[in-house]
Amino acid sequence: MSKTLFILNDAPYGTERSYNALRLARSLAKKESEEIKVFLIGDAAACAKSGQKVPTGYYNLGDMLNMVRRAGAQIGVCGTCIDARGIEENQLVEGAARSTMEELTAWTQWADKVIVF
């Protein structure tokens, strides 16, 4: 079993880095031999805000996080980062959990591969 940690730093919209990270995380999570964790830090914490409204036909990173979670990934969101952005824990998408630097440290030690976007 391969264990991969994705660390996302970019805002949900404006660039496609978070979008592409979640596309890859979802694809890997669908593989039977893969275990995936996703940690959102900095501006990427906003990716986990529920209730995102985007134009018809445009990707929705909240929905994409739900797809990654349903494929079996764990999702952690930096607590300091959501506090700084005024996001309450109850505003996170289902399955995303408030997290800490200590948990990111543990996840980094757990991982065979760390991919940073």
PDB file of N, CA and C in Angstrom:
ATOM      1  N   MET A   1       0.852  -1.185   0.000  1.00  0.00           N
ATOM      2  CA  MET A   1       0.000   0.000   0.000  1.00  0.00           C
ATOM      3  C   MET A   1       0.889   1.236   0.000  1.00  0.00           C
ATOM      4  N   SER A   2       0.583   2.162  -0.895  1.00  0.00           N
ATOM      5  CA  SER A   2       1.294   3.425  -0.985  1.00  0.00           C
ATOM      6  C   SER A   2       0.499   4.489  -0.237  1.00  0.00           C
ATOM      7  N   LYS A   3       1.199   5.313   0.546  1.00  0.00           N
ATOM      8  CA  LYS A   3       0.554   6.352   1.354  1.00  0.00           C
ATOM      9  C   LYS A   3       1.031   7.713   0.861  1.00  0.00           C
ATOM     10  N   THR A   4       0.069   8.522   0.387  1.00  0.00           N
ATOM     11  CA  THR A   4       0.406   9.818  -0.190  1.00  0.00           C
ATOM     12  C   THR A   4      -0.315  10.932   0.551  1.00  0.00           C
ATOM     13  N   LEU A   5       0.445  11.960   0.899  1.00  0.00           N
ATOM     14  CA  LEU A   5      -0.095  13.163   1.515  1.00  0.00           C
ATOM     15  C   LEU A   5      -0.034  14.291   0.506  1.00  0.00           C
ATOM     16  N   PHE A   6      -1.166  14.945   0.306  1.00  0.00           N
ATOM     17  CA  PHE A   6      -1.248  16.138  -0.527  1.00  0.00           C
ATOM     18  C   PHE A   6      -1.352  17.341   0.400  1.00  0.00           C
ATOM     19  N   ILE A   7      -0.483  18.329   0.203  1.00  0.00           N
ATOM     20  CA  ILE A   7      -0.553  19.580   0.945  1.00  0.00           C
ATOM     21  C   ILE A   7      -0.893  20.676  -0.061  1.00  0.00           C
ATOM     22  N   LEU A   8      -2.043  21.307   0.140  1.00  0.00           N
ATOM     23  CA  LEU A   8      -2.501  22.373  -0.758  1.00  0.00           C
ATOM     24  C   LEU A   8      -2.324  23.716  -0.064  1.00  0.00           C
ATOM     25  N   ASN A   9      -1.786  24.692  -0.786  1.00  0.00           N
ATOM     26  CA  ASN A   9      -1.534  26.030  -0.265  1.00  0.00           C
ATOM     27  C   ASN A   9      -2.348  27.123  -0.945  1.00  0.00           C
ATOM     28  N   ASP A  10      -2.777  26.895  -2.182  1.00  0.00           N
ATOM     29  CA  ASP A  10      -3.398  27.962  -2.977  1.00  0.00           C
ATOM     30  C   ASP A  10      -4.893  28.107  -2.718  1.00  0.00           C
ATOM     31  N   ALA A  11      -5.367  29.317  -2.948  1.00  0.00           N
ATOM     32  CA  ALA A  11      -6.796  29.623  -2.828  1.00  0.00           C
ATOM     33  C   ALA A  11      -7.599  28.734  -3.773  1.00  0.00           C
ATOM     34  N   PRO A  12      -8.880  28.536  -3.464  1.00  0.00           N
ATOM     35  CA  PRO A  12      -9.691  27.648  -4.294  1.00  0.00           C
ATOM     36  C   PRO A  12      -9.863  28.120  -5.735  1.00  0.00           C
ATOM     37  N   TYR A  13      -9.870  29.416  -5.938  1.00  0.00           N
ATOM     38  CA  TYR A  13     -10.092  29.947  -7.275  1.00  0.00           C
ATOM     39  C   TYR A  13      -9.037  31.015  -7.556  1.00  0.00           C
ATOM     40  N   GLY A  14      -8.759  31.259  -8.804  1.00  0.00           N
ATOM     41  CA  GLY A  14      -7.744  32.237  -9.192  1.00  0.00           C
ATOM     42  C   GLY A  14      -6.590  31.552  -9.910  1.00  0.00           C
ATOM     43  N   THR A  15      -6.201  30.399  -9.406  1.00  0.00           N
ATOM     44  CA  THR A  15      -5.266  29.520 -10.108  1.00  0.00           C
ATOM     45  C   THR A  15      -5.945  28.152 -10.151  1.00  0.00           C
ATOM     46  N   GLU A  16      -5.354  27.237 -10.845  1.00  0.00           N
ATOM     47  CA  GLU A  16      -5.933  25.889 -10.899  1.00  0.00           C
ATOM     48  C   GLU A  16      -5.114  24.882 -10.104  1.00  0.00           C
ATOM     49  N   ARG A  17      -4.220  25.361  -9.243  1.00  0.00           N
ATOM     50  CA  ARG A  17      -3.366  24.443  -8.485  1.00  0.00           C
ATOM     51  C   ARG A  17      -4.175  23.547  -7.548  1.00  0.00           C
ATOM     52  N   SER A  18      -5.074  24.125  -6.767  1.00  0.00           N
ATOM     53  CA  SER A  18      -5.876  23.312  -5.851  1.00  0.00           C
ATOM     54  C   SER A  18      -6.786  22.366  -6.629  1.00  0.00           C
ATOM     55  N   TYR A  19      -7.354  22.864  -7.707  1.00  0.00           N
ATOM     56  CA  TYR A  19      -8.192  22.042  -8.587  1.00  0.00           C
ATOM     57  C   TYR A  19      -7.405  20.836  -9.105  1.00  0.00           C
ATOM     58  N   ASN A  20      -6.220  21.073  -9.624  1.00  0.00           N
ATOM     59  CA  ASN A  20      -5.418  19.977 -10.163  1.00  0.00           C
ATOM     60  C   ASN A  20      -4.942  19.022  -9.076  1.00  0.00           C
ATOM     61  N   ALA A  21      -4.635  19.554  -7.901  1.00  0.00           N
ATOM     62  CA  ALA A  21      -4.244  18.697  -6.783  1.00  0.00           C
ATOM     63  C   ALA A  21      -5.375  17.741  -6.418  1.00  0.00           C
ATOM     64  N   LEU A  22      -6.589  18.253  -6.357  1.00  0.00           N
ATOM     65  CA  LEU A  22      -7.732  17.410  -5.987  1.00  0.00           C
ATOM     66  C   LEU A  22      -8.086  16.419  -7.092  1.00  0.00           C
ATOM     67  N   ARG A  23      -7.861  16.803  -8.338  1.00  0.00           N
ATOM     68  CA  ARG A  23      -8.066  15.850  -9.438  1.00  0.00           C
ATOM     69  C   ARG A  23      -7.123  14.658  -9.278  1.00  0.00           C
ATOM     70  N   LEU A  24      -5.856  14.941  -8.994  1.00  0.00           N
ATOM     71  CA  LEU A  24      -4.880  13.869  -8.821  1.00  0.00           C
ATOM     72  C   LEU A  24      -5.169  13.059  -7.558  1.00  0.00           C
ATOM     73  N   ALA A  25      -5.502  13.732  -6.472  1.00  0.00           N
ATOM     74  CA  ALA A  25      -5.814  13.027  -5.218  1.00  0.00           C
ATOM     75  C   ALA A  25      -6.999  12.088  -5.400  1.00  0.00           C
ATOM     76  N   ARG A  26      -8.020  12.550  -6.103  1.00  0.00           N
ATOM     77  CA  ARG A  26      -9.198  11.705  -6.342  1.00  0.00           C
ATOM     78  C   ARG A  26      -8.843  10.504  -7.209  1.00  0.00           C
ATOM     79  N   SER A  27      -8.061  10.725  -8.238  1.00  0.00           N
ATOM     80  CA  SER A  27      -7.658   9.638  -9.120  1.00  0.00           C
ATOM     81  C   SER A  27      -6.860   8.584  -8.353  1.00  0.00           C
ATOM     82  N   LEU A  28      -5.923   9.040  -7.526  1.00  0.00           N
ATOM     83  CA  LEU A  28      -5.132   8.093  -6.721  1.00  0.00           C
ATOM     84  C   LEU A  28      -5.994   7.383  -5.685  1.00  0.00           C
ATOM     85  N   ALA A  29      -6.905   8.118  -5.046  1.00  0.00           N
ATOM     86  CA  ALA A  29      -7.748   7.530  -4.000  1.00  0.00           C
ATOM     87  C   ALA A  29      -8.631   6.416  -4.533  1.00  0.00           C
ATOM     88  N   LYS A  30      -8.935   6.450  -5.812  1.00  0.00           N
ATOM     89  CA  LYS A  30      -9.763   5.403  -6.418  1.00  0.00           C
ATOM     90  C   LYS A  30      -8.997   4.090  -6.588  1.00  0.00           C
ATOM     91  N   LYS A  31      -7.673   4.144  -6.513  1.00  0.00           N
ATOM     92  CA  LYS A  31      -6.848   2.944  -6.679  1.00  0.00           C
ATOM     93  C   LYS A  31      -6.839   2.146  -5.378  1.00  0.00           C
ATOM     94  N   GLU A  32      -7.004   0.867  -5.498  1.00  0.00           N
ATOM     95  CA  GLU A  32      -7.101   0.013  -4.319  1.00  0.00           C
ATOM     96  C   GLU A  32      -5.834   0.021  -3.472  1.00  0.00           C
ATOM     97  N   SER A  33      -4.700   0.210  -4.090  1.00  0.00           N
ATOM     98  CA  SER A  33      -3.429   0.130  -3.373  1.00  0.00           C
ATOM     99  C   SER A  33      -2.962   1.478  -2.822  1.00  0.00           C
ATOM    100  N   GLU A  34      -3.840   2.470  -2.793  1.00  0.00           N
ATOM    101  CA  GLU A  34      -3.456   3.815  -2.364  1.00  0.00           C
ATOM    102  C   GLU A  34      -4.226   4.253  -1.132  1.00  0.00           C
ATOM    103  N   GLU A  35      -3.527   4.925  -0.242  1.00  0.00           N
ATOM    104  CA  GLU A  35      -4.149   5.582   0.899  1.00  0.00           C
ATOM    105  C   GLU A  35      -3.766   7.055   0.803  1.00  0.00           C
ATOM    106  N   ILE A  36      -4.780   7.944   0.878  1.00  0.00           N
ATOM    107  CA  ILE A  36      -4.584   9.364   0.606  1.00  0.00           C
ATOM    108  C   ILE A  36      -5.024  10.208   1.798  1.00  0.00           C
ATOM    109  N   LYS A  37      -4.226  11.237   2.081  1.00  0.00           N
ATOM    110  CA  LYS A  37      -4.613  12.278   3.033  1.00  0.00           C
ATOM    111  C   LYS A  37      -4.383  13.623   2.343  1.00  0.00           C
ATOM    112  N   VAL A  38      -5.279  14.566   2.615  1.00  0.00           N
ATOM    113  CA  VAL A  38      -5.187  15.906   2.026  1.00  0.00           C
ATOM    114  C   VAL A  38      -5.193  16.907   3.174  1.00  0.00           C
ATOM    115  N   PHE A  39      -4.197  17.801   3.172  1.00  0.00           N
ATOM    116  CA  PHE A  39      -4.124  18.841   4.195  1.00  0.00           C
ATOM    117  C   PHE A  39      -4.188  20.191   3.509  1.00  0.00           C
ATOM    118  N   LEU A  40      -5.139  21.020   3.946  1.00  0.00           N
ATOM    119  CA  LEU A  40      -5.339  22.356   3.387  1.00  0.00           C
ATOM    120  C   LEU A  40      -4.762  23.381   4.351  1.00  0.00           C
ATOM    121  N   ILE A  41      -3.854  24.204   3.837  1.00  0.00           N
ATOM    122  CA  ILE A  41      -3.174  25.184   4.681  1.00  0.00           C
ATOM    123  C   ILE A  41      -3.128  26.517   3.937  1.00  0.00           C
ATOM    124  N   GLY A  42      -2.993  27.611   4.676  1.00  0.00           N
ATOM    125  CA  GLY A  42      -2.964  28.934   4.045  1.00  0.00           C
ATOM    126  C   GLY A  42      -4.280  29.209   3.328  1.00  0.00           C
ATOM    127  N   ASP A  43      -4.184  29.818   2.155  1.00  0.00           N
ATOM    128  CA  ASP A  43      -5.393  30.153   1.400  1.00  0.00           C
ATOM    129  C   ASP A  43      -6.185  28.928   0.960  1.00  0.00           C
ATOM    130  N   ALA A  44      -5.552  27.767   0.906  1.00  0.00           N
ATOM    131  CA  ALA A  44      -6.265  26.548   0.512  1.00  0.00           C
ATOM    132  C   ALA A  44      -7.328  26.145   1.533  1.00  0.00           C
ATOM    133  N   ALA A  45      -7.241  26.668   2.750  1.00  0.00           N
ATOM    134  CA  ALA A  45      -8.265  26.368   3.756  1.00  0.00           C
ATOM    135  C   ALA A  45      -9.656  26.738   3.243  1.00  0.00           C
ATOM    136  N   ALA A  46      -9.745  27.759   2.419  1.00  0.00           N
ATOM    137  CA  ALA A  46     -11.040  28.186   1.872  1.00  0.00           C
ATOM    138  C   ALA A  46     -11.628  27.170   0.896  1.00  0.00           C
ATOM    139  N   CYS A  47     -10.829  26.236   0.418  1.00  0.00           N
ATOM    140  CA  CYS A  47     -11.351  25.168  -0.451  1.00  0.00           C
ATOM    141  C   CYS A  47     -12.403  24.337   0.272  1.00  0.00           C
ATOM    142  N   ALA A  48     -12.284  24.256   1.600  1.00  0.00           N
ATOM    143  CA  ALA A  48     -13.178  23.402   2.381  1.00  0.00           C
ATOM    144  C   ALA A  48     -14.429  24.114   2.880  1.00  0.00           C
ATOM    145  N   LYS A  49     -14.624  25.362   2.485  1.00  0.00           N
ATOM    146  CA  LYS A  49     -15.829  26.073   2.930  1.00  0.00           C
ATOM    147  C   LYS A  49     -17.041  25.542   2.185  1.00  0.00           C
ATOM    148  N   SER A  50     -18.040  25.144   2.929  1.00  0.00           N
ATOM    149  CA  SER A  50     -19.267  24.627   2.304  1.00  0.00           C
ATOM    150  C   SER A  50     -20.072  25.777   1.710  1.00  0.00           C
ATOM    151  N   GLY A  51     -20.987  25.432   0.818  1.00  0.00           N
ATOM    152  CA  GLY A  51     -21.893  26.411   0.234  1.00  0.00           C
ATOM    153  C   GLY A  51     -21.280  27.288  -0.838  1.00  0.00           C
ATOM    154  N   GLN A  52     -20.196  26.844  -1.447  1.00  0.00           N
ATOM    155  CA  GLN A  52     -19.578  27.636  -2.510  1.00  0.00           C
ATOM    156  C   GLN A  52     -20.530  27.744  -3.701  1.00  0.00           C
ATOM    157  N   LYS A  53     -20.661  28.941  -4.224  1.00  0.00           N
ATOM    158  CA  LYS A  53     -21.510  29.193  -5.392  1.00  0.00           C
ATOM    159  C   LYS A  53     -20.601  29.591  -6.543  1.00  0.00           C
ATOM    160  N   VAL A  54     -20.605  28.780  -7.582  1.00  0.00           N
ATOM    161  CA  VAL A  54     -19.765  29.060  -8.751  1.00  0.00           C
ATOM    162  C   VAL A  54     -20.650  29.099  -9.996  1.00  0.00           C
ATOM    163  N   PRO A  55     -20.187  29.739 -11.067  1.00  0.00           N
ATOM    164  CA  PRO A  55     -20.978  29.778 -12.293  1.00  0.00           C
ATOM    165  C   PRO A  55     -21.256  28.376 -12.828  1.00  0.00           C
ATOM    166  N   THR A  56     -22.368  28.211 -13.488  1.00  0.00           N
ATOM    167  CA  THR A  56     -22.733  26.931 -14.096  1.00  0.00           C
ATOM    168  C   THR A  56     -21.603  26.465 -15.013  1.00  0.00           C
ATOM    169  N   GLY A  57     -21.235  25.213 -14.841  1.00  0.00           N
ATOM    170  CA  GLY A  57     -20.181  24.628 -15.666  1.00  0.00           C
ATOM    171  C   GLY A  57     -18.784  24.805 -15.113  1.00  0.00           C
ATOM    172  N   TYR A  58     -18.631  25.565 -14.016  1.00  0.00           N
ATOM    173  CA  TYR A  58     -17.327  25.810 -13.416  1.00  0.00           C
ATOM    174  C   TYR A  58     -17.118  24.817 -12.282  1.00  0.00           C
ATOM    175  N   TYR A  59     -15.887  24.404 -12.070  1.00  0.00           N
ATOM    176  CA  TYR A  59     -15.622  23.452 -10.989  1.00  0.00           C
ATOM    177  C   TYR A  59     -15.892  24.083  -9.625  1.00  0.00           C
ATOM    178  N   ASN A  60     -16.273  23.234  -8.670  1.00  0.00           N
ATOM    179  CA  ASN A  60     -16.560  23.650  -7.301  1.00  0.00           C
ATOM    180  C   ASN A  60     -15.643  22.846  -6.392  1.00  0.00           C
ATOM    181  N   LEU A  61     -14.700  23.513  -5.730  1.00  0.00           N
ATOM    182  CA  LEU A  61     -13.717  22.779  -4.933  1.00  0.00           C
ATOM    183  C   LEU A  61     -14.319  22.133  -3.697  1.00  0.00           C
ATOM    184  N   GLY A  62     -15.395  22.682  -3.155  1.00  0.00           N
ATOM    185  CA  GLY A  62     -16.084  22.013  -2.054  1.00  0.00           C
ATOM    186  C   GLY A  62     -16.622  20.662  -2.499  1.00  0.00           C
ATOM    187  N   ASP A  63     -17.234  20.642  -3.675  1.00  0.00           N
ATOM    188  CA  ASP A  63     -17.744  19.381  -4.233  1.00  0.00           C
ATOM    189  C   ASP A  63     -16.602  18.416  -4.528  1.00  0.00           C
ATOM    190  N   MET A  64     -15.496  18.949  -5.040  1.00  0.00           N
ATOM    191  CA  MET A  64     -14.356  18.083  -5.353  1.00  0.00           C
ATOM    192  C   MET A  64     -13.771  17.461  -4.083  1.00  0.00           C
ATOM    193  N   LEU A  65     -13.721  18.217  -2.993  1.00  0.00           N
ATOM    194  CA  LEU A  65     -13.249  17.645  -1.730  1.00  0.00           C
ATOM    195  C   LEU A  65     -14.163  16.514  -1.277  1.00  0.00           C
ATOM    196  N   ASN A  66     -15.471  16.694  -1.460  1.00  0.00           N
ATOM    197  CA  ASN A  66     -16.410  15.621  -1.117  1.00  0.00           C
ATOM    198  C   ASN A  66     -16.151  14.372  -1.953  1.00  0.00           C
ATOM    199  N   MET A  67     -15.826  14.551  -3.224  1.00  0.00           N
ATOM    200  CA  MET A  67     -15.523  13.400  -4.091  1.00  0.00           C
ATOM    201  C   MET A  67     -14.255  12.682  -3.614  1.00  0.00           C
ATOM    202  N   VAL A  68     -13.254  13.452  -3.232  1.00  0.00           N
ATOM    203  CA  VAL A  68     -12.000  12.874  -2.738  1.00  0.00           C
ATOM    204  C   VAL A  68     -12.265  12.111  -1.443  1.00  0.00           C
ATOM    205  N   ARG A  69     -13.063  12.696  -0.561  1.00  0.00           N
ATOM    206  CA  ARG A  69     -13.403  12.031   0.700  1.00  0.00           C
ATOM    207  C   ARG A  69     -14.173  10.740   0.456  1.00  0.00           C
ATOM    208  N   ARG A  70     -15.144  10.794  -0.453  1.00  0.00           N
ATOM    209  CA  ARG A  70     -15.929   9.589  -0.753  1.00  0.00           C
ATOM    210  C   ARG A  70     -15.066   8.491  -1.368  1.00  0.00           C
ATOM    211  N   ALA A  71     -13.961   8.883  -2.001  1.00  0.00           N
ATOM    212  CA  ALA A  71     -13.029   7.900  -2.560  1.00  0.00           C
ATOM    213  C   ALA A  71     -12.113   7.330  -1.474  1.00  0.00           C
ATOM    214  N   GLY A  72     -12.247   7.824  -0.244  1.00  0.00           N
ATOM    215  CA  GLY A  72     -11.514   7.235   0.875  1.00  0.00           C
ATOM    216  C   GLY A  72     -10.448   8.099   1.512  1.00  0.00           C
ATOM    217  N   ALA A  73     -10.259   9.312   1.061  1.00  0.00           N
ATOM    218  CA  ALA A  73      -9.212  10.176   1.611  1.00  0.00           C
ATOM    219  C   ALA A  73      -9.651  10.850   2.903  1.00  0.00           C
ATOM    220  N   GLN A  74      -8.689  11.133   3.754  1.00  0.00           N
ATOM    221  CA  GLN A  74      -8.906  11.964   4.933  1.00  0.00           C
ATOM    222  C   GLN A  74      -8.570  13.397   4.554  1.00  0.00           C
ATOM    223  N   ILE A  75      -9.312  14.360   5.133  1.00  0.00           N
ATOM    224  CA  ILE A  75      -9.085  15.764   4.823  1.00  0.00           C
ATOM    225  C   ILE A  75      -8.917  16.545   6.125  1.00  0.00           C
ATOM    226  N   GLY A  76      -7.779  17.202   6.242  1.00  0.00           N
ATOM    227  CA  GLY A  76      -7.508  18.067   7.386  1.00  0.00           C
ATOM    228  C   GLY A  76      -7.392  19.503   6.913  1.00  0.00           C
ATOM    229  N   VAL A  77      -7.874  20.427   7.744  1.00  0.00           N
ATOM    230  CA  VAL A  77      -7.823  21.853   7.410  1.00  0.00           C
ATOM    231  C   VAL A  77      -7.157  22.574   8.578  1.00  0.00           C
ATOM    232  N   CYS A  78      -6.141  23.355   8.274  1.00  0.00           N
ATOM    233  CA  CYS A  78      -5.397  24.091   9.296  1.00  0.00           C
ATOM    234  C   CYS A  78      -6.351  24.977  10.114  1.00  0.00           C
ATOM    235  N   GLY A  79      -6.409  24.740  11.413  1.00  0.00           N
ATOM    236  CA  GLY A  79      -7.290  25.512  12.275  1.00  0.00           C
ATOM    237  C   GLY A  79      -6.912  26.979  12.352  1.00  0.00           C
ATOM    238  N   THR A  80      -5.625  27.275  12.434  1.00  0.00           N
ATOM    239  CA  THR A  80      -5.164  28.658  12.457  1.00  0.00           C
ATOM    240  C   THR A  80      -5.565  29.374  11.177  1.00  0.00           C
ATOM    241  N   CYS A  81      -5.487  28.657  10.068  1.00  0.00           N
ATOM    242  CA  CYS A  81      -5.793  29.250   8.756  1.00  0.00           C
ATOM    243  C   CYS A  81      -7.283  29.540   8.598  1.00  0.00           C
ATOM    244  N   ILE A  82      -8.148  28.643   9.082  1.00  0.00           N
ATOM    245  CA  ILE A  82      -9.583  28.930   8.968  1.00  0.00           C
ATOM    246  C   ILE A  82      -9.975  30.057   9.916  1.00  0.00           C
ATOM    247  N   ASP A  83      -9.348  30.097  11.086  1.00  0.00           N
ATOM    248  CA  ASP A  83      -9.625  31.205  12.013  1.00  0.00           C
ATOM    249  C   ASP A  83      -9.251  32.541  11.375  1.00  0.00           C
ATOM    250  N   ALA A  84      -8.098  32.596  10.735  1.00  0.00           N
ATOM    251  CA  ALA A  84      -7.620  33.835  10.112  1.00  0.00           C
ATOM    252  C   ALA A  84      -8.540  34.295   8.982  1.00  0.00           C
ATOM    253  N   ARG A  85      -9.265  33.351   8.394  1.00  0.00           N
ATOM    254  CA  ARG A  85     -10.138  33.677   7.266  1.00  0.00           C
ATOM    255  C   ARG A  85     -11.607  33.773   7.671  1.00  0.00           C
ATOM    256  N   GLY A  86     -11.875  33.699   8.964  1.00  0.00           N
ATOM    257  CA  GLY A  86     -13.241  33.849   9.458  1.00  0.00           C
ATOM    258  C   GLY A  86     -14.150  32.675   9.127  1.00  0.00           C
ATOM    259  N   ILE A  87     -13.576  31.506   8.916  1.00  0.00           N
ATOM    260  CA  ILE A  87     -14.366  30.308   8.603  1.00  0.00           C
ATOM    261  C   ILE A  87     -14.557  29.523   9.892  1.00  0.00           C
ATOM    262  N   GLU A  88     -15.803  29.268  10.224  1.00  0.00           N
ATOM    263  CA  GLU A  88     -16.121  28.479  11.411  1.00  0.00           C
ATOM    264  C   GLU A  88     -16.020  26.995  11.076  1.00  0.00           C
ATOM    265  N   GLU A  89     -15.714  26.202  12.079  1.00  0.00           N
ATOM    266  CA  GLU A  89     -15.581  24.757  11.870  1.00  0.00           C
ATOM    267  C   GLU A  89     -16.861  24.148  11.300  1.00  0.00           C
ATOM    268  N   ASN A  90     -18.023  24.650  11.715  1.00  0.00           N
ATOM    269  CA  ASN A  90     -19.290  24.110  11.213  1.00  0.00           C
ATOM    270  C   ASN A  90     -19.585  24.545   9.776  1.00  0.00           C
ATOM    271  N   GLN A  91     -18.724  25.387   9.190  1.00  0.00           N
ATOM    272  CA  GLN A  91     -18.881  25.813   7.802  1.00  0.00           C
ATOM    273  C   GLN A  91     -18.031  24.972   6.839  1.00  0.00           C
ATOM    274  N   LEU A  92     -17.316  23.997   7.373  1.00  0.00           N
ATOM    275  CA  LEU A  92     -16.484  23.152   6.516  1.00  0.00           C
ATOM    276  C   LEU A  92     -17.347  22.102   5.818  1.00  0.00           C
ATOM    277  N   VAL A  93     -16.920  21.703   4.635  1.00  0.00           N
ATOM    278  CA  VAL A  93     -17.635  20.646   3.922  1.00  0.00           C
ATOM    279  C   VAL A  93     -17.610  19.370   4.753  1.00  0.00           C
ATOM    280  N   GLU A  94     -18.596  18.537   4.520  1.00  0.00           N
ATOM    281  CA  GLU A  94     -18.697  17.270   5.239  1.00  0.00           C
ATOM    282  C   GLU A  94     -17.403  16.470   5.071  1.00  0.00           C
ATOM    283  N   GLY A  95     -16.905  15.958   6.186  1.00  0.00           N
ATOM    284  CA  GLY A  95     -15.711  15.115   6.143  1.00  0.00           C
ATOM    285  C   GLY A  95     -14.400  15.856   6.287  1.00  0.00           C
ATOM    286  N   ALA A  96     -14.415  17.176   6.162  1.00  0.00           N
ATOM    287  CA  ALA A  96     -13.197  17.965   6.393  1.00  0.00           C
ATOM    288  C   ALA A  96     -13.149  18.307   7.876  1.00  0.00           C
ATOM    289  N   ALA A  97     -11.985  18.124   8.485  1.00  0.00           N
ATOM    290  CA  ALA A  97     -11.865  18.333   9.920  1.00  0.00           C
ATOM    291  C   ALA A  97     -10.835  19.410  10.240  1.00  0.00           C
ATOM    292  N   ARG A  98     -11.165  20.215  11.221  1.00  0.00           N
ATOM    293  CA  ARG A  98     -10.199  21.190  11.743  1.00  0.00           C
ATOM    294  C   ARG A  98      -8.975  20.408  12.201  1.00  0.00           C
ATOM    295  N   SER A  99      -7.807  20.903  11.867  1.00  0.00           N
ATOM    296  CA  SER A  99      -6.598  20.169  12.168  1.00  0.00           C
ATOM    297  C   SER A  99      -5.531  21.104  12.729  1.00  0.00           C
ATOM    298  N   THR A 100      -4.355  20.547  12.934  1.00  0.00           N
ATOM    299  CA  THR A 100      -3.260  21.282  13.567  1.00  0.00           C
ATOM    300  C   THR A 100      -1.945  20.995  12.857  1.00  0.00           C
ATOM    301  N   MET A 101      -0.948  21.782  13.173  1.00  0.00           N
ATOM    302  CA  MET A 101       0.395  21.545  12.647  1.00  0.00           C
ATOM    303  C   MET A 101       0.935  20.211  13.177  1.00  0.00           C
ATOM    304  N   GLU A 102       0.543  19.842  14.379  1.00  0.00           N
ATOM    305  CA  GLU A 102       0.974  18.552  14.936  1.00  0.00           C
ATOM    306  C   GLU A 102       0.428  17.396  14.096  1.00  0.00           C
ATOM    307  N   GLU A 103      -0.826  17.513  13.655  1.00  0.00           N
ATOM    308  CA  GLU A 103      -1.389  16.458  12.812  1.00  0.00           C
ATOM    309  C   GLU A 103      -0.703  16.440  11.445  1.00  0.00           C
ATOM    310  N   LEU A 104      -0.418  17.615  10.880  1.00  0.00           N
ATOM    311  CA  LEU A 104       0.303  17.661   9.615  1.00  0.00           C
ATOM    312  C   LEU A 104       1.675  17.007   9.766  1.00  0.00           C
ATOM    313  N   THR A 105       2.331  17.235  10.890  1.00  0.00           N
ATOM    314  CA  THR A 105       3.620  16.596  11.157  1.00  0.00           C
ATOM    315  C   THR A 105       3.474  15.078  11.180  1.00  0.00           C
ATOM    316  N   ALA A 106       2.461  14.590  11.885  1.00  0.00           N
ATOM    317  CA  ALA A 106       2.229  13.141  11.959  1.00  0.00           C
ATOM    318  C   ALA A 106       1.899  12.566  10.585  1.00  0.00           C
ATOM    319  N   TRP A 107       1.086  13.272   9.815  1.00  0.00           N
ATOM    320  CA  TRP A 107       0.731  12.798   8.479  1.00  0.00           C
ATOM    321  C   TRP A 107       1.961  12.779   7.577  1.00  0.00           C
ATOM    322  N   THR A 108       2.847  13.751   7.732  1.00  0.00           N
ATOM    323  CA  THR A 108       4.067  13.793   6.930  1.00  0.00           C
ATOM    324  C   THR A 108       4.955  12.597   7.270  1.00  0.00           C
ATOM    325  N   GLN A 109       5.051  12.259   8.541  1.00  0.00           N
ATOM    326  CA  GLN A 109       5.837  11.091   8.947  1.00  0.00           C
ATOM    327  C   GLN A 109       5.200   9.793   8.450  1.00  0.00           C
ATOM    328  N   TRP A 110       3.895   9.747   8.375  1.00  0.00           N
ATOM    329  CA  TRP A 110       3.155   8.564   7.929  1.00  0.00           C
ATOM    330  C   TRP A 110       3.355   8.314   6.441  1.00  0.00           C
ATOM    331  N   ALA A 111       3.466   9.382   5.658  1.00  0.00           N
ATOM    332  CA  ALA A 111       3.432   9.304   4.191  1.00  0.00           C
ATOM    333  C   ALA A 111       4.700   8.715   3.580  1.00  0.00           C
ATOM    334  N   ASP A 112       4.501   7.948   2.501  1.00  0.00           N
ATOM    335  CA  ASP A 112       5.604   7.529   1.652  1.00  0.00           C
ATOM    336  C   ASP A 112       5.985   8.652   0.694  1.00  0.00           C
ATOM    337  N   LYS A 113       4.954   9.413   0.274  1.00  0.00           N
ATOM    338  CA  LYS A 113       5.148  10.524  -0.662  1.00  0.00           C
ATOM    339  C   LYS A 113       4.366  11.730  -0.152  1.00  0.00           C
ATOM    340  N   VAL A 114       4.983  12.906  -0.273  1.00  0.00           N
ATOM    341  CA  VAL A 114       4.318  14.155   0.045  1.00  0.00           C
ATOM    342  C   VAL A 114       4.341  14.990  -1.228  1.00  0.00           C
ATOM    343  N   ILE A 115       3.148  15.375  -1.688  1.00  0.00           N
ATOM    344  CA  ILE A 115       3.020  16.187  -2.891  1.00  0.00           C
ATOM    345  C   ILE A 115       2.453  17.538  -2.469  1.00  0.00           C
ATOM    346  N   VAL A 116       3.170  18.603  -2.813  1.00  0.00           N
ATOM    347  CA  VAL A 116       2.782  19.949  -2.387  1.00  0.00           C
ATOM    348  C   VAL A 116       2.337  20.752  -3.607  1.00  0.00           C
ATOM    349  N   PHE A 117       1.145  21.320  -3.523  1.00  0.00           N
ATOM    350  CA  PHE A 117       0.598  22.193  -4.564  1.00  0.00           C
ATOM    351  C   PHE A 117       0.443  23.579  -4.001  1.00  0.00           C
TER     352      PHE A 117
END
